[in-house]
């Protein structure tokens, strides 16, 4: 199965051995996965995707965007939920204002 392990590893300036040490597997396994000579176990696919901060879909070449927009929305929701109720209300009001401004400019 094709994957982007080598591309991500090289971009991070890591050797196969260094990546193996980080995720607790052998350099030989990294090499076999990069060459698609060995099936990448799903748990390791998640570990590698998490390490490189990409989606598993990107790692496995199913999509071309490293972090699809739904991940960005998850991060925004997580950030939003950490805010105080007052700050959440400010953000909501700002969003309503921006949406209205966009609608008004579209109708011109």
PDB file of N, CA and C in Angstrom:
ATOM      1  N   UNK A   1       0.834  -1.178   0.000  1.00  0.00           N
ATOM      2  CA  UNK A   1       0.000   0.000   0.000  1.00  0.00           C
ATOM      3  C   UNK A   1       0.881   1.246   0.000  1.00  0.00           C
ATOM      4  N   UNK A   2       0.606   2.137  -0.914  1.00  0.00           N
ATOM      5  CA  UNK A   2       1.361   3.378  -1.032  1.00  0.00           C
ATOM      6  C   UNK A   2       1.151   4.266   0.190  1.00  0.00           C
ATOM      7  N   UNK A   3       2.197   5.003   0.573  1.00  0.00           N
ATOM      8  CA  UNK A   3       2.084   5.928   1.701  1.00  0.00           C
ATOM      9  C   UNK A   3       3.094   7.054   1.523  1.00  0.00           C
ATOM     10  N   UNK A   4       3.023   8.025   2.418  1.00  0.00           N
ATOM     11  CA  UNK A   4       3.905   9.193   2.345  1.00  0.00           C
ATOM     12  C   UNK A   4       4.929   9.225   3.484  1.00  0.00           C
ATOM     13  N   UNK A   5       5.243   8.090   4.048  1.00  0.00           N
ATOM     14  CA  UNK A   5       6.167   8.071   5.186  1.00  0.00           C
ATOM     15  C   UNK A   5       7.514   8.677   4.798  1.00  0.00           C
ATOM     16  N   UNK A   6       8.060   8.241   3.693  1.00  0.00           N
ATOM     17  CA  UNK A   6       9.381   8.741   3.292  1.00  0.00           C
ATOM     18  C   UNK A   6       9.345  10.252   3.056  1.00  0.00           C
ATOM     19  N   UNK A   7       8.356  10.712   2.344  1.00  0.00           N
ATOM     20  CA  UNK A   7       8.217  12.143   2.059  1.00  0.00           C
ATOM     21  C   UNK A   7       8.159  12.956   3.359  1.00  0.00           C
ATOM     22  N   UNK A   8       7.348  12.508   4.309  1.00  0.00           N
ATOM     23  CA  UNK A   8       7.205  13.216   5.586  1.00  0.00           C
ATOM     24  C   UNK A   8       8.487  13.130   6.408  1.00  0.00           C
ATOM     25  N   UNK A   9       9.106  11.962   6.397  1.00  0.00           N
ATOM     26  CA  UNK A   9      10.341  11.772   7.150  1.00  0.00           C
ATOM     27  C   UNK A   9      11.442  12.683   6.624  1.00  0.00           C
ATOM     28  N   UNK A  10      11.597  12.737   5.309  1.00  0.00           N
ATOM     29  CA  UNK A  10      12.634  13.585   4.718  1.00  0.00           C
ATOM     30  C   UNK A  10      12.355  15.064   4.968  1.00  0.00           C
ATOM     31  N   UNK A  11      11.091  15.442   4.885  1.00  0.00           N
ATOM     32  CA  UNK A  11      10.712  16.830   5.151  1.00  0.00           C
ATOM     33  C   UNK A  11      11.056  17.218   6.590  1.00  0.00           C
ATOM     34  N   UNK A  12      10.952  16.261   7.505  1.00  0.00           N
ATOM     35  CA  UNK A  12      11.282  16.507   8.910  1.00  0.00           C
ATOM     36  C   UNK A  12      12.770  16.320   9.181  1.00  0.00           C
ATOM     37  N   UNK A  13      13.534  16.011   8.133  1.00  0.00           N
ATOM     38  CA  UNK A  13      14.982  15.815   8.242  1.00  0.00           C
ATOM     39  C   UNK A  13      15.336  14.698   9.233  1.00  0.00           C
ATOM     40  N   UNK A  14      14.627  13.574   9.093  1.00  0.00           N
ATOM     41  CA  UNK A  14      14.874  12.416   9.948  1.00  0.00           C
ATOM     42  C   UNK A  14      15.400  11.251   9.124  1.00  0.00           C
ATOM     43  N   UNK A  15      16.245  10.449   9.715  1.00  0.00           N
ATOM     44  CA  UNK A  15      16.650   9.195   9.088  1.00  0.00           C
ATOM     45  C   UNK A  15      15.595   8.144   9.423  1.00  0.00           C
ATOM     46  N   UNK A  16      15.658   7.023   8.738  1.00  0.00           N
ATOM     47  CA  UNK A  16      14.739   5.930   9.055  1.00  0.00           C
ATOM     48  C   UNK A  16      14.941   5.470  10.500  1.00  0.00           C
ATOM     49  N   UNK A  17      16.192   5.411  10.919  1.00  0.00           N
ATOM     50  CA  UNK A  17      16.500   4.996  12.283  1.00  0.00           C
ATOM     51  C   UNK A  17      15.946   5.961  13.318  1.00  0.00           C
ATOM     52  N   UNK A  18      16.063   7.254  13.042  1.00  0.00           N
ATOM     53  CA  UNK A  18      15.537   8.248  13.979  1.00  0.00           C
ATOM     54  C   UNK A  18      14.018   8.147  14.096  1.00  0.00           C
ATOM     55  N   UNK A  19      13.346   8.005  12.953  1.00  0.00           N
ATOM     56  CA  UNK A  19      11.895   7.850  12.999  1.00  0.00           C
ATOM     57  C   UNK A  19      11.530   6.579  13.758  1.00  0.00           C
ATOM     58  N   UNK A  20      12.261   5.513  13.496  1.00  0.00           N
ATOM     59  CA  UNK A  20      12.016   4.261  14.213  1.00  0.00           C
ATOM     60  C   UNK A  20      12.158   4.427  15.712  1.00  0.00           C
ATOM     61  N   UNK A  21      13.198   5.141  16.139  1.00  0.00           N
ATOM     62  CA  UNK A  21      13.394   5.388  17.572  1.00  0.00           C
ATOM     63  C   UNK A  21      12.230   6.190  18.156  1.00  0.00           C
ATOM     64  N   UNK A  22      11.758   7.164  17.411  1.00  0.00           N
ATOM     65  CA  UNK A  22      10.667   8.022  17.891  1.00  0.00           C
ATOM     66  C   UNK A  22       9.385   7.224  18.099  1.00  0.00           C
ATOM     67  N   UNK A  23       9.093   6.311  17.172  1.00  0.00           N
ATOM     68  CA  UNK A  23       7.834   5.560  17.261  1.00  0.00           C
ATOM     69  C   UNK A  23       8.043   4.132  17.762  1.00  0.00           C
ATOM     70  N   UNK A  24       9.244   3.853  18.247  1.00  0.00           N
ATOM     71  CA  UNK A  24       9.562   2.560  18.877  1.00  0.00           C
ATOM     72  C   UNK A  24       9.420   1.352  17.961  1.00  0.00           C
ATOM     73  N   UNK A  25       9.971   1.475  16.765  1.00  0.00           N
ATOM     74  CA  UNK A  25      10.042   0.334  15.849  1.00  0.00           C
ATOM     75  C   UNK A  25      11.425   0.329  15.202  1.00  0.00           C
ATOM     76  N   UNK A  26      11.733  -0.717  14.484  1.00  0.00           N
ATOM     77  CA  UNK A  26      13.065  -0.841  13.886  1.00  0.00           C
ATOM     78  C   UNK A  26      13.188  -0.009  12.616  1.00  0.00           C
ATOM     79  N   UNK A  27      14.430   0.321  12.290  1.00  0.00           N
ATOM     80  CA  UNK A  27      14.720   1.031  11.041  1.00  0.00           C
ATOM     81  C   UNK A  27      14.292   0.175   9.856  1.00  0.00           C
ATOM     82  N   UNK A  28      14.431  -1.135   9.985  1.00  0.00           N
ATOM     83  CA  UNK A  28      14.055  -2.047   8.904  1.00  0.00           C
ATOM     84  C   UNK A  28      12.552  -1.975   8.616  1.00  0.00           C
ATOM     85  N   UNK A  29      11.745  -1.846   9.666  1.00  0.00           N
ATOM     86  CA  UNK A  29      10.295  -1.728   9.446  1.00  0.00           C
ATOM     87  C   UNK A  29       9.963  -0.435   8.718  1.00  0.00           C
ATOM     88  N   UNK A  30      10.613   0.655   9.114  1.00  0.00           N
ATOM     89  CA  UNK A  30      10.391   1.929   8.435  1.00  0.00           C
ATOM     90  C   UNK A  30      10.734   1.781   6.955  1.00  0.00           C
ATOM     91  N   UNK A  31      11.872   1.166   6.670  1.00  0.00           N
ATOM     92  CA  UNK A  31      12.304   0.968   5.287  1.00  0.00           C
ATOM     93  C   UNK A  31      11.289   0.146   4.505  1.00  0.00           C
ATOM     94  N   UNK A  32      10.823  -0.945   5.082  1.00  0.00           N
ATOM     95  CA  UNK A  32       9.851  -1.806   4.394  1.00  0.00           C
ATOM     96  C   UNK A  32       8.534  -1.078   4.154  1.00  0.00           C
ATOM     97  N   UNK A  33       8.100  -0.269   5.124  1.00  0.00           N
ATOM     98  CA  UNK A  33       6.853   0.490   4.937  1.00  0.00           C
ATOM     99  C   UNK A  33       7.020   1.537   3.853  1.00  0.00           C
ATOM    100  N   UNK A  34       8.173   2.211   3.832  1.00  0.00           N
ATOM    101  CA  UNK A  34       8.406   3.236   2.804  1.00  0.00           C
ATOM    102  C   UNK A  34       8.410   2.626   1.408  1.00  0.00           C
ATOM    103  N   UNK A  35       8.935   1.429   1.294  1.00  0.00           N
ATOM    104  CA  UNK A  35       8.993   0.754  -0.003  1.00  0.00           C
ATOM    105  C   UNK A  35       7.721  -0.027  -0.314  1.00  0.00           C
ATOM    106  N   UNK A  36       6.777  -0.006   0.616  1.00  0.00           N
ATOM    107  CA  UNK A  36       5.526  -0.771   0.505  1.00  0.00           C
ATOM    108  C   UNK A  36       5.790  -2.268   0.386  1.00  0.00           C
ATOM    109  N   UNK A  37       6.898  -2.724   0.978  1.00  0.00           N
ATOM    110  CA  UNK A  37       7.216  -4.151   0.987  1.00  0.00           C
ATOM    111  C   UNK A  37       6.558  -4.867   2.163  1.00  0.00           C
ATOM    112  N   UNK A  38       6.032  -4.099   3.087  1.00  0.00           N
ATOM    113  CA  UNK A  38       5.394  -4.664   4.277  1.00  0.00           C
ATOM    114  C   UNK A  38       4.159  -3.829   4.575  1.00  0.00           C
ATOM    115  N   UNK A  39       3.058  -4.510   4.891  1.00  0.00           N
ATOM    116  CA  UNK A  39       1.811  -3.810   5.210  1.00  0.00           C
ATOM    117  C   UNK A  39       1.993  -2.965   6.465  1.00  0.00           C
ATOM    118  N   UNK A  40       1.555  -1.726   6.392  1.00  0.00           N
ATOM    119  CA  UNK A  40       1.637  -0.800   7.519  1.00  0.00           C
ATOM    120  C   UNK A  40       0.469  -1.078   8.460  1.00  0.00           C
ATOM    121  N   UNK A  41       0.748  -1.543   9.683  1.00  0.00           N
ATOM    122  CA  UNK A  41      -0.349  -1.798  10.630  1.00  0.00           C
ATOM    123  C   UNK A  41      -1.098  -0.505  10.941  1.00  0.00           C
ATOM    124  N   UNK A  42      -2.401  -0.622  11.110  1.00  0.00           N
ATOM    125  CA  UNK A  42      -3.235   0.553  11.309  1.00  0.00           C
ATOM    126  C   UNK A  42      -2.816   1.337  12.550  1.00  0.00           C
ATOM    127  N   UNK A  43      -2.416   0.660  13.617  1.00  0.00           N
ATOM    128  CA  UNK A  43      -2.009   1.396  14.822  1.00  0.00           C
ATOM    129  C   UNK A  43      -0.756   2.212  14.562  1.00  0.00           C
ATOM    130  N   UNK A  44       0.151   1.686  13.744  1.00  0.00           N
ATOM    131  CA  UNK A  44       1.366   2.438  13.415  1.00  0.00           C
ATOM    132  C   UNK A  44       1.048   3.574  12.445  1.00  0.00           C
ATOM    133  N   UNK A  45       0.078   3.362  11.576  1.00  0.00           N
ATOM    134  CA  UNK A  45      -0.330   4.435  10.660  1.00  0.00           C
ATOM    135  C   UNK A  45      -0.852   5.629  11.463  1.00  0.00           C
ATOM    136  N   UNK A  46      -1.664   5.354  12.478  1.00  0.00           N
ATOM    137  CA  UNK A  46      -2.157   6.443  13.332  1.00  0.00           C
ATOM    138  C   UNK A  46      -1.020   7.103  14.103  1.00  0.00           C
ATOM    139  N   UNK A  47      -0.099   6.301  14.609  1.00  0.00           N
ATOM    140  CA  UNK A  47       1.043   6.846  15.355  1.00  0.00           C
ATOM    141  C   UNK A  47       1.875   7.765  14.473  1.00  0.00           C
ATOM    142  N   UNK A  48       2.155   7.330  13.262  1.00  0.00           N
ATOM    143  CA  UNK A  48       2.969   8.121  12.332  1.00  0.00           C
ATOM    144  C   UNK A  48       2.223   9.385  11.903  1.00  0.00           C
ATOM    145  N   UNK A  49       0.939   9.244  11.582  1.00  0.00           N
ATOM    146  CA  UNK A  49       0.136  10.414  11.185  1.00  0.00           C
ATOM    147  C   UNK A  49       0.101  11.435  12.320  1.00  0.00           C
ATOM    148  N   UNK A  50      -0.089  10.965  13.537  1.00  0.00           N
ATOM    149  CA  UNK A  50      -0.099  11.879  14.690  1.00  0.00           C
ATOM    150  C   UNK A  50       1.252  12.565  14.860  1.00  0.00           C
ATOM    151  N   UNK A  51       2.320  11.809  14.711  1.00  0.00           N
ATOM    152  CA  UNK A  51       3.649  12.391  14.888  1.00  0.00           C
ATOM    153  C   UNK A  51       3.890  13.526  13.883  1.00  0.00           C
ATOM    154  N   UNK A  52       3.517  13.286  12.624  1.00  0.00           N
ATOM    155  CA  UNK A  52       3.748  14.285  11.581  1.00  0.00           C
ATOM    156  C   UNK A  52       2.606  15.303  11.475  1.00  0.00           C
ATOM    157  N   UNK A  53       1.602  15.157  12.336  1.00  0.00           N
ATOM    158  CA  UNK A  53       0.467  16.081  12.364  1.00  0.00           C
ATOM    159  C   UNK A  53      -0.242  16.157  11.009  1.00  0.00           C
ATOM    160  N   UNK A  54      -0.496  14.987  10.438  1.00  0.00           N
ATOM    161  CA  UNK A  54      -1.249  14.877   9.194  1.00  0.00           C
ATOM    162  C   UNK A  54      -2.389  13.890   9.425  1.00  0.00           C
ATOM    163  N   UNK A  55      -3.352  13.900   8.548  1.00  0.00           N
ATOM    164  CA  UNK A  55      -4.442  12.930   8.662  1.00  0.00           C
ATOM    165  C   UNK A  55      -3.949  11.574   8.170  1.00  0.00           C
ATOM    166  N   UNK A  56      -4.592  10.537   8.640  1.00  0.00           N
ATOM    167  CA  UNK A  56      -4.235   9.190   8.179  1.00  0.00           C
ATOM    168  C   UNK A  56      -4.552   9.051   6.688  1.00  0.00           C
ATOM    169  N   UNK A  57      -5.593   9.768   6.235  1.00  0.00           N
ATOM    170  CA  UNK A  57      -5.934   9.733   4.820  1.00  0.00           C
ATOM    171  C   UNK A  57      -4.799  10.296   3.963  1.00  0.00           C
ATOM    172  N   UNK A  58      -4.174  11.352   4.449  1.00  0.00           N
ATOM    173  CA  UNK A  58      -3.037  11.938   3.732  1.00  0.00           C
ATOM    174  C   UNK A  58      -1.853  10.978   3.764  1.00  0.00           C
ATOM    175  N   UNK A  59      -1.568  10.432   4.943  1.00  0.00           N
ATOM    176  CA  UNK A  59      -0.437   9.505   5.081  1.00  0.00           C
ATOM    177  C   UNK A  59      -0.570   8.345   4.098  1.00  0.00           C
ATOM    178  N   UNK A  60      -1.786   7.858   3.906  1.00  0.00           N
ATOM    179  CA  UNK A  60      -2.018   6.696   3.038  1.00  0.00           C
ATOM    180  C   UNK A  60      -2.382   7.082   1.605  1.00  0.00           C
ATOM    181  N   UNK A  61      -2.119   8.340   1.240  1.00  0.00           N
ATOM    182  CA  UNK A  61      -2.285   8.827  -0.143  1.00  0.00           C
ATOM    183  C   UNK A  61      -3.725   8.761  -0.649  1.00  0.00           C
ATOM    184  N   UNK A  62      -4.669   8.881   0.255  1.00  0.00           N
ATOM    185  CA  UNK A  62      -6.072   8.887  -0.160  1.00  0.00           C
ATOM    186  C   UNK A  62      -6.551  10.297  -0.469  1.00  0.00           C
ATOM    187  N   UNK A  63      -5.893  11.305   0.106  1.00  0.00           N
ATOM    188  CA  UNK A  63      -6.192  12.709  -0.184  1.00  0.00           C
ATOM    189  C   UNK A  63      -4.870  13.454  -0.322  1.00  0.00           C
ATOM    190  N   UNK A  64      -4.927  14.650  -0.904  1.00  0.00           N
ATOM    191  CA  UNK A  64      -3.707  15.421  -1.152  1.00  0.00           C
ATOM    192  C   UNK A  64      -3.489  16.564  -0.168  1.00  0.00           C
ATOM    193  N   UNK A  65      -4.429  16.786   0.733  1.00  0.00           N
ATOM    194  CA  UNK A  65      -4.305  17.859   1.716  1.00  0.00           C
ATOM    195  C   UNK A  65      -3.893  17.253   3.062  1.00  0.00           C
ATOM    196  N   UNK A  66      -2.753  17.692   3.633  1.00  0.00           N
ATOM    197  CA  UNK A  66      -2.276  17.070   4.872  1.00  0.00           C
ATOM    198  C   UNK A  66      -3.264  17.112   6.032  1.00  0.00           C
ATOM    199  N   UNK A  67      -3.955  18.219   6.189  1.00  0.00           N
ATOM    200  CA  UNK A  67      -4.937  18.369   7.268  1.00  0.00           C
ATOM    201  C   UNK A  67      -6.213  18.922   6.667  1.00  0.00           C
ATOM    202  N   UNK A  68      -7.122  18.046   6.272  1.00  0.00           N
ATOM    203  CA  UNK A  68      -8.366  18.527   5.673  1.00  0.00           C
ATOM    204  C   UNK A  68      -9.091  19.521   6.576  1.00  0.00           C
ATOM    205  N   UNK A  69      -9.977  20.287   5.988  1.00  0.00           N
ATOM    206  CA  UNK A  69     -10.638  21.367   6.716  1.00  0.00           C
ATOM    207  C   UNK A  69     -11.383  20.882   7.945  1.00  0.00           C
ATOM    208  N   UNK A  70     -11.891  19.651   7.929  1.00  0.00           N
ATOM    209  CA  UNK A  70     -12.623  19.197   9.114  1.00  0.00           C
ATOM    210  C   UNK A  70     -11.710  19.084  10.321  1.00  0.00           C
ATOM    211  N   UNK A  71     -10.409  18.855  10.126  1.00  0.00           N
ATOM    212  CA  UNK A  71      -9.477  18.870  11.255  1.00  0.00           C
ATOM    213  C   UNK A  71      -9.326  20.291  11.788  1.00  0.00           C
ATOM    214  N   UNK A  72      -9.298  21.240  10.885  1.00  0.00           N
ATOM    215  CA  UNK A  72      -9.199  22.638  11.316  1.00  0.00           C
ATOM    216  C   UNK A  72     -10.432  23.028  12.122  1.00  0.00           C
ATOM    217  N   UNK A  73     -11.597  22.553  11.696  1.00  0.00           N
ATOM    218  CA  UNK A  73     -12.821  22.850  12.436  1.00  0.00           C
ATOM    219  C   UNK A  73     -12.774  22.210  13.820  1.00  0.00           C
ATOM    220  N   UNK A  74     -12.271  20.990  13.909  1.00  0.00           N
ATOM    221  CA  UNK A  74     -12.141  20.333  15.212  1.00  0.00           C
ATOM    222  C   UNK A  74     -11.239  21.149  16.133  1.00  0.00           C
ATOM    223  N   UNK A  75     -10.142  21.647  15.587  1.00  0.00           N
ATOM    224  CA  UNK A  75      -9.228  22.457  16.388  1.00  0.00           C
ATOM    225  C   UNK A  75      -9.899  23.750  16.837  1.00  0.00           C
ATOM    226  N   UNK A  76     -10.665  24.376  15.939  1.00  0.00           N
ATOM    227  CA  UNK A  76     -11.365  25.609  16.309  1.00  0.00           C
ATOM    228  C   UNK A  76     -12.390  25.344  17.399  1.00  0.00           C
ATOM    229  N   UNK A  77     -13.115  24.250  17.283  1.00  0.00           N
ATOM    230  CA  UNK A  77     -14.107  23.906  18.299  1.00  0.00           C
ATOM    231  C   UNK A  77     -13.433  23.654  19.636  1.00  0.00           C
ATOM    232  N   UNK A  78     -12.321  22.949  19.595  1.00  0.00           N
ATOM    233  CA  UNK A  78     -11.579  22.685  20.826  1.00  0.00           C
ATOM    234  C   UNK A  78     -11.095  23.993  21.457  1.00  0.00           C
ATOM    235  N   UNK A  79     -10.540  24.875  20.633  1.00  0.00           N
ATOM    236  CA  UNK A  79     -10.079  26.178  21.136  1.00  0.00           C
ATOM    237  C   UNK A  79     -11.251  26.987  21.690  1.00  0.00           C
ATOM    238  N   UNK A  80     -12.362  26.971  20.965  1.00  0.00           N
ATOM    239  CA  UNK A  80     -13.541  27.732  21.369  1.00  0.00           C
ATOM    240  C   UNK A  80     -14.063  27.241  22.719  1.00  0.00           C
ATOM    241  N   UNK A  81     -14.087  25.926  22.906  1.00  0.00           N
ATOM    242  CA  UNK A  81     -14.634  25.371  24.147  1.00  0.00           C
ATOM    243  C   UNK A  81     -13.778  25.716  25.363  1.00  0.00           C
ATOM    244  N   UNK A  82     -12.528  26.091  25.148  1.00  0.00           N
ATOM    245  CA  UNK A  82     -11.643  26.471  26.256  1.00  0.00           C
ATOM    246  C   UNK A  82     -11.844  27.922  26.690  1.00  0.00           C
ATOM    247  N   UNK A  83     -12.569  28.680  25.888  1.00  0.00           N
ATOM    248  CA  UNK A  83     -12.785  30.096  26.210  1.00  0.00           C
ATOM    249  C   UNK A  83     -13.859  30.261  27.280  1.00  0.00           C
ATOM    250  N   UNK A  84     -13.831  31.389  27.936  1.00  0.00           N
ATOM    251  CA  UNK A  84     -14.896  31.713  28.893  1.00  0.00           C
ATOM    252  C   UNK A  84     -16.193  31.939  28.118  1.00  0.00           C
ATOM    253  N   UNK A  85     -17.321  31.841  28.805  1.00  0.00           N
ATOM    254  CA  UNK A  85     -18.629  32.074  28.161  1.00  0.00           C
ATOM    255  C   UNK A  85     -18.686  33.475  27.551  1.00  0.00           C
ATOM    256  N   UNK A  86     -18.121  34.440  28.247  1.00  0.00           N
ATOM    257  CA  UNK A  86     -18.103  35.818  27.743  1.00  0.00           C
ATOM    258  C   UNK A  86     -17.319  35.897  26.434  1.00  0.00           C
ATOM    259  N   UNK A  87     -16.140  35.282  26.400  1.00  0.00           N
ATOM    260  CA  UNK A  87     -15.328  35.307  25.182  1.00  0.00           C
ATOM    261  C   UNK A  87     -16.001  34.531  24.052  1.00  0.00           C
ATOM    262  N   UNK A  88     -16.691  33.435  24.382  1.00  0.00           N
ATOM    263  CA  UNK A  88     -17.422  32.695  23.366  1.00  0.00           C
ATOM    264  C   UNK A  88     -18.505  33.573  22.739  1.00  0.00           C
ATOM    265  N   UNK A  89     -19.195  34.344  23.569  1.00  0.00           N
ATOM    266  CA  UNK A  89     -20.235  35.235  23.062  1.00  0.00           C
ATOM    267  C   UNK A  89     -19.648  36.320  22.155  1.00  0.00           C
ATOM    268  N   UNK A  90     -18.479  36.814  22.510  1.00  0.00           N
ATOM    269  CA  UNK A  90     -17.806  37.816  21.661  1.00  0.00           C
ATOM    270  C   UNK A  90     -17.483  37.211  20.301  1.00  0.00           C
ATOM    271  N   UNK A  91     -16.951  35.992  20.302  1.00  0.00           N
ATOM    272  CA  UNK A  91     -16.613  35.307  19.044  1.00  0.00           C
ATOM    273  C   UNK A  91     -17.871  35.085  18.213  1.00  0.00           C
ATOM    274  N   UNK A  92     -18.943  34.649  18.841  1.00  0.00           N
ATOM    275  CA  UNK A  92     -20.201  34.419  18.127  1.00  0.00           C
ATOM    276  C   UNK A  92     -20.698  35.711  17.487  1.00  0.00           C
ATOM    277  N   UNK A  93     -20.641  36.808  18.218  1.00  0.00           N
ATOM    278  CA  UNK A  93     -21.069  38.098  17.679  1.00  0.00           C
ATOM    279  C   UNK A  93     -20.186  38.532  16.508  1.00  0.00           C
ATOM    280  N   UNK A  94     -18.899  38.285  16.629  1.00  0.00           N
ATOM    281  CA  UNK A  94     -17.978  38.631  15.535  1.00  0.00           C
ATOM    282  C   UNK A  94     -18.311  37.814  14.286  1.00  0.00           C
ATOM    283  N   UNK A  95     -18.594  36.536  14.467  1.00  0.00           N
ATOM    284  CA  UNK A  95     -18.921  35.675  13.332  1.00  0.00           C
ATOM    285  C   UNK A  95     -20.211  36.143  12.657  1.00  0.00           C
ATOM    286  N   UNK A  96     -21.212  36.509  13.459  1.00  0.00           N
ATOM    287  CA  UNK A  96     -22.468  37.007  12.895  1.00  0.00           C
ATOM    288  C   UNK A  96     -22.232  38.285  12.103  1.00  0.00           C
ATOM    289  N   UNK A  97     -21.418  39.164  12.654  1.00  0.00           N
ATOM    290  CA  UNK A  97     -21.099  40.416  11.977  1.00  0.00           C
ATOM    291  C   UNK A  97     -20.396  40.143  10.638  1.00  0.00           C
ATOM    292  N   UNK A  98     -19.404  39.259  10.648  1.00  0.00           N
ATOM    293  CA  UNK A  98     -18.664  38.941   9.428  1.00  0.00           C
ATOM    294  C   UNK A  98     -19.561  38.283   8.384  1.00  0.00           C
ATOM    295  N   UNK A  99     -20.438  37.392   8.830  1.00  0.00           N
ATOM    296  CA  UNK A  99     -21.355  36.745   7.892  1.00  0.00           C
ATOM    297  C   UNK A  99     -22.289  37.774   7.260  1.00  0.00           C
ATOM    298  N   UNK A 100     -22.818  38.687   8.073  1.00  0.00           N
ATOM    299  CA  UNK A 100     -23.708  39.728   7.554  1.00  0.00           C
ATOM    300  C   UNK A 100     -22.957  40.638   6.582  1.00  0.00           C
ATOM    301  N   UNK A 101     -21.744  41.017   6.930  1.00  0.00           N
ATOM    302  CA  UNK A 101     -20.921  41.861   6.046  1.00  0.00           C
ATOM    303  C   UNK A 101     -20.697  41.166   4.711  1.00  0.00           C
ATOM    304  N   UNK A 102     -20.429  39.870   4.758  1.00  0.00           N
ATOM    305  CA  UNK A 102     -20.202  39.105   3.523  1.00  0.00           C
ATOM    306  C   UNK A 102     -21.480  39.040   2.697  1.00  0.00           C
ATOM    307  N   UNK A 103     -22.608  38.797   3.345  1.00  0.00           N
ATOM    308  CA  UNK A 103     -23.890  38.740   2.643  1.00  0.00           C
ATOM    309  C   UNK A 103     -24.217  40.087   2.010  1.00  0.00           C
ATOM    310  N   UNK A 104     -23.970  41.164   2.749  1.00  0.00           N
ATOM    311  CA  UNK A 104     -24.244  42.502   2.222  1.00  0.00           C
ATOM    312  C   UNK A 104     -23.376  42.810   1.009  1.00  0.00           C
ATOM    313  N   UNK A 105     -22.115  42.414   1.053  1.00  0.00           N
ATOM    314  CA  UNK A 105     -21.219  42.693  -0.077  1.00  0.00           C
ATOM    315  C   UNK A 105     -21.541  41.807  -1.278  1.00  0.00           C
ATOM    316  N   UNK A 106     -22.100  40.643  -1.040  1.00  0.00           N
ATOM    317  CA  UNK A 106     -22.480  39.753  -2.134  1.00  0.00           C
ATOM    318  C   UNK A 106     -23.693  40.254  -2.889  1.00  0.00           C
ATOM    319  N   UNK A 107     -24.559  40.941  -2.179  1.00  0.00           N
ATOM    320  CA  UNK A 107     -25.785  41.431  -2.822  1.00  0.00           C
ATOM    321  C   UNK A 107     -25.575  42.719  -3.611  1.00  0.00           C
ATOM    322  N   UNK A 108     -24.410  43.320  -3.503  1.00  0.00           N
ATOM    323  CA  UNK A 108     -24.116  44.575  -4.236  1.00  0.00           C
ATOM    324  C   UNK A 108     -23.873  44.332  -5.693  1.00  0.00           C
TER     325      UNK A 108
END
